[in-house]
């Protein structure tokens, strides 16, 4: 047993360090209230009607489906399977980096660490393992994802006849096999900049056309 421990101990230490490095570099970026507001809220030098329909046009052009709209109440809600960015990348997380891992947060280092620990357990137990393949004997159904969509919400506020303020909120909607769903706000500067740049261009285009 002591011999086996001496063989595996350096490997396990290395794998532990690798796991820590892999898991510690992808933490979420925290934004202050002022930073969030700067991303989400914009003031447009255009009347309410032009801004409302410019936003609607941009959302449709980017492939989103308008789920609901209220001109008088100042709201447009759109949904899509992907978040469109000018670089062609889709579905970035809140750090601005495209998703490359599943939601468990286990990176390559974590997987290697698990393999190393399993190997040590097998060796210490004489080469046998009590692992049964991950099956559940309780007969209950575990919750699993069945789909993910992204909701784009614009709210409009008429400041005066020539000025309109908008607030943009992006959320990730995850649906599960048991019928429930969760929402997670996306705070990604790229997404907000892309949409607001497109809205500004559309307002300018409509103004030039006299619409």
Protein backbone atom coordinates (compact mmCIF):
# COMPACT_ATOMS: atom_id res chain seq x y z
CA UNK A 1 0.00 0.00 0.00
CA UNK A 2 2.82 2.44 0.87
CA UNK A 3 4.47 1.70 -2.46
CA UNK A 4 1.26 2.44 -4.35
CA UNK A 5 0.82 5.69 -2.43
CA UNK A 6 4.37 6.81 -3.32
CA UNK A 7 3.67 6.10 -6.99
CA UNK A 8 0.37 7.98 -7.23
CA UNK A 9 1.02 10.88 -4.84
CA UNK A 10 3.09 13.06 -7.27
CA UNK A 11 0.52 12.42 -10.02
CA UNK A 12 -2.39 13.47 -7.81
CA UNK A 13 -0.63 16.65 -6.70
CA UNK A 14 0.04 17.64 -10.32
CA UNK A 15 -3.54 16.90 -11.34
CA UNK A 16 -4.89 18.91 -8.41
CA UNK A 17 -2.86 21.95 -9.43
CA UNK A 18 -3.99 21.56 -13.04
CA UNK A 19 -7.60 21.36 -11.92
CA UNK A 20 -7.29 24.52 -9.86
CA UNK A 21 -5.75 26.43 -12.77
CA UNK A 22 -8.37 25.23 -15.23
CA UNK A 23 -11.29 26.03 -12.93
CA UNK A 24 -10.06 29.33 -11.54
CA UNK A 25 -9.64 31.31 -14.75
CA UNK A 26 -13.27 31.42 -15.92
CA UNK A 27 -15.03 33.24 -13.07
CA UNK A 28 -17.90 35.61 -13.89
CA UNK A 29 -17.19 39.29 -14.42
CA UNK A 30 -18.91 41.56 -11.91
CA UNK A 31 -20.32 44.87 -13.14
CA UNK A 32 -21.39 47.78 -10.97
CA UNK A 33 -24.88 49.27 -11.25
CA UNK A 34 -23.42 52.24 -13.10
CA UNK A 35 -21.64 49.99 -15.61
CA UNK A 36 -24.79 47.94 -16.19
CA UNK A 37 -26.83 51.08 -16.75
CA UNK A 38 -24.27 52.45 -19.20
CA UNK A 39 -24.59 49.25 -21.25
CA UNK A 40 -28.35 48.86 -21.02
CA UNK A 41 -29.70 52.42 -21.23
CA UNK A 42 -29.30 54.70 -24.25
CA UNK A 43 -30.73 58.10 -25.17
CA UNK A 44 -31.57 58.60 -28.84
CA UNK A 45 -31.97 61.94 -30.60
CA UNK A 46 -35.06 60.73 -32.41
CA UNK A 47 -38.79 60.69 -31.79
CA UNK A 48 -40.52 57.77 -30.06
CA UNK A 49 -42.11 56.39 -33.22
CA UNK A 50 -38.83 56.21 -35.14
CA UNK A 51 -36.92 54.56 -32.27
CA UNK A 52 -39.64 51.97 -31.63
CA UNK A 53 -39.82 50.80 -35.22
CA UNK A 54 -36.04 50.99 -35.71
CA UNK A 55 -35.57 48.60 -32.77
CA UNK A 56 -38.23 46.25 -34.12
CA UNK A 57 -36.59 46.24 -37.56
CA UNK A 58 -33.15 45.46 -36.10
CA UNK A 59 -34.47 42.54 -34.05
CA UNK A 60 -36.20 41.03 -37.07
CA UNK A 61 -33.13 41.54 -39.27
CA UNK A 62 -30.97 39.74 -36.68
CA UNK A 63 -33.28 36.73 -36.83
CA UNK A 64 -35.18 37.18 -33.57
CA UNK A 65 -38.90 36.43 -33.30
CA UNK A 66 -41.10 39.17 -31.85
CA UNK A 67 -42.99 37.48 -29.00
CA UNK A 68 -44.89 40.55 -27.84
CA UNK A 69 -44.97 44.31 -28.37
CA UNK A 70 -46.82 47.22 -26.82
CA UNK A 71 -46.41 50.55 -28.58
CA UNK A 72 -48.40 52.53 -26.01
CA UNK A 73 -46.76 50.81 -23.05
CA UNK A 74 -43.28 51.04 -24.57
CA UNK A 75 -42.13 47.43 -24.77
CA UNK A 76 -40.82 44.90 -27.30
CA UNK A 77 -39.91 41.32 -26.33
CA UNK A 78 -38.08 39.15 -28.86
CA UNK A 79 -36.60 35.66 -28.66
CA UNK A 80 -34.05 33.63 -30.60
CA UNK A 81 -32.01 30.45 -30.40
CA UNK A 82 -28.74 32.38 -30.69
CA UNK A 83 -27.31 35.78 -29.85
CA UNK A 84 -26.00 37.43 -32.97
CA UNK A 85 -22.71 39.30 -32.82
CA UNK A 86 -20.85 41.23 -35.54
CA UNK A 87 -18.00 38.68 -35.51
CA UNK A 88 -20.41 35.81 -36.20
CA UNK A 89 -19.89 34.23 -32.78
CA UNK A 90 -23.03 33.12 -30.98
CA UNK A 91 -24.12 32.48 -27.40
CA UNK A 92 -21.25 34.10 -25.47
CA UNK A 93 -21.43 33.95 -21.71
CA UNK A 94 -21.40 36.94 -19.38
CA UNK A 95 -17.59 37.18 -19.55
CA UNK A 96 -17.69 37.85 -23.29
CA UNK A 97 -16.16 34.47 -24.17
CA UNK A 98 -18.05 31.88 -26.19
CA UNK A 99 -19.18 28.88 -24.14
CA UNK A 100 -16.70 26.00 -24.31
CA UNK A 101 -17.73 23.96 -21.28
CA UNK A 102 -20.93 22.49 -19.93
CA UNK A 103 -22.78 24.01 -16.97
CA UNK A 104 -21.08 21.75 -14.45
CA UNK A 105 -17.99 23.96 -14.61
CA UNK A 106 -15.68 20.93 -14.71
CA UNK A 107 -12.71 21.62 -16.98
CA UNK A 108 -10.02 19.30 -18.33
CA UNK A 109 -8.08 19.51 -15.07
CA UNK A 110 -11.12 18.43 -13.06
CA UNK A 111 -11.68 15.43 -15.32
CA UNK A 112 -8.04 14.35 -15.04
CA UNK A 113 -8.16 14.76 -11.28
CA UNK A 114 -11.23 12.54 -11.10
CA UNK A 115 -9.52 9.88 -13.21
CA UNK A 116 -6.46 9.98 -10.99
CA UNK A 117 -8.49 9.57 -7.81
CA UNK A 118 -10.45 6.68 -9.32
CA UNK A 119 -7.20 4.97 -10.32
CA UNK A 120 -5.84 5.34 -6.79
CA UNK A 121 -9.05 3.94 -5.30
CA UNK A 122 -8.97 0.95 -7.64
CA UNK A 123 -5.32 0.26 -6.87
CA UNK A 124 -5.85 0.49 -3.12
CA UNK A 125 -8.84 -1.83 -3.32
CA UNK A 126 -7.00 -4.58 -5.11
CA UNK A 127 -8.05 -3.65 -8.64
CA UNK A 128 -11.80 -3.69 -8.14
CA UNK A 129 -14.29 -0.86 -8.04
CA UNK A 130 -17.76 -0.61 -6.60
CA UNK A 131 -18.87 1.93 -9.24
CA UNK A 132 -22.10 0.68 -10.82
CA UNK A 133 -22.12 2.80 -13.98
CA UNK A 134 -24.02 5.78 -12.59
CA UNK A 135 -27.46 4.22 -12.67
CA UNK A 136 -30.09 5.26 -10.15
CA UNK A 137 -32.01 2.66 -8.20
CA UNK A 138 -34.63 5.12 -6.96
CA UNK A 139 -36.46 5.23 -10.28
CA UNK A 140 -36.73 9.05 -10.16
CA UNK A 141 -36.14 11.21 -13.23
CA UNK A 142 -33.27 13.68 -12.96
CA UNK A 143 -33.74 17.20 -14.28
CA UNK A 144 -31.98 17.85 -17.58
CA UNK A 145 -31.90 20.62 -20.15
CA UNK A 146 -34.14 20.30 -23.19
CA UNK A 147 -33.56 23.70 -24.78
CA UNK A 148 -32.04 27.15 -24.45
CA UNK A 149 -33.25 30.40 -26.01
CA UNK A 150 -32.34 34.05 -25.57
CA UNK A 151 -34.81 36.83 -24.82
CA UNK A 152 -34.20 40.43 -25.87
CA UNK A 153 -36.31 43.02 -24.06
CA UNK A 154 -36.49 46.71 -25.02
CA UNK A 155 -38.37 49.28 -22.94
CA UNK A 156 -39.05 52.76 -24.36
CA UNK A 157 -39.49 56.08 -22.58
CA UNK A 158 -40.46 59.26 -24.42
CA UNK A 159 -38.37 62.09 -23.00
CA UNK A 160 -39.73 64.79 -25.33
CA UNK A 161 -40.85 65.13 -28.94
CA UNK A 162 -37.32 64.59 -30.27
CA UNK A 163 -35.69 62.41 -27.61
CA UNK A 164 -36.34 58.79 -26.61
CA UNK A 165 -34.65 56.63 -23.98
CA UNK A 166 -34.43 52.84 -24.21
CA UNK A 167 -33.41 50.13 -21.78
CA UNK A 168 -32.18 46.81 -23.18
CA UNK A 169 -32.09 43.58 -21.15
CA UNK A 170 -30.79 40.24 -22.48
CA UNK A 171 -31.68 37.00 -20.71
CA UNK A 172 -30.87 33.33 -21.25
CA UNK A 173 -33.94 31.13 -20.89
CA UNK A 174 -33.25 27.45 -20.11
CA UNK A 175 -36.05 24.87 -20.33
CA UNK A 176 -35.96 21.49 -18.56
CA UNK A 177 -37.55 18.11 -19.15
CA UNK A 178 -39.75 18.44 -16.05
CA UNK A 179 -41.54 21.50 -17.47
CA UNK A 180 -39.82 24.22 -15.46
CA UNK A 181 -37.47 26.92 -16.73
CA UNK A 182 -34.87 29.35 -15.45
CA UNK A 183 -33.73 32.81 -16.56
CA UNK A 184 -30.21 34.23 -16.32
CA UNK A 185 -29.36 37.79 -17.27
CA UNK A 186 -26.59 38.21 -19.84
CA UNK A 187 -24.31 41.13 -19.01
CA UNK A 188 -22.06 41.10 -22.06
CA UNK A 189 -20.83 44.43 -23.46
CA UNK A 190 -20.49 42.97 -26.97
CA UNK A 191 -24.16 42.05 -27.20
CA UNK A 192 -25.41 45.45 -26.03
CA UNK A 193 -22.98 47.37 -28.24
CA UNK A 194 -23.92 45.31 -31.30
CA UNK A 195 -27.65 45.87 -30.86
CA UNK A 196 -27.36 49.57 -30.04
CA UNK A 197 -24.96 50.18 -32.95
CA UNK A 198 -27.48 48.52 -35.27
CA UNK A 199 -30.33 50.59 -33.80
CA UNK A 200 -28.36 53.83 -34.24
CA UNK A 201 -27.65 52.96 -37.87
CA UNK A 202 -31.30 52.09 -38.53
CA UNK A 203 -32.46 55.38 -36.96
CA UNK A 204 -30.01 57.26 -39.18
CA UNK A 205 -31.17 55.32 -42.24
CA UNK A 206 -34.83 56.01 -41.55
CA UNK A 207 -34.11 59.68 -40.90
CA UNK A 208 -32.33 59.99 -44.26
CA UNK A 209 -35.34 58.40 -45.96
CA UNK A 210 -37.74 60.75 -44.19
CA UNK A 211 -39.59 57.92 -42.45
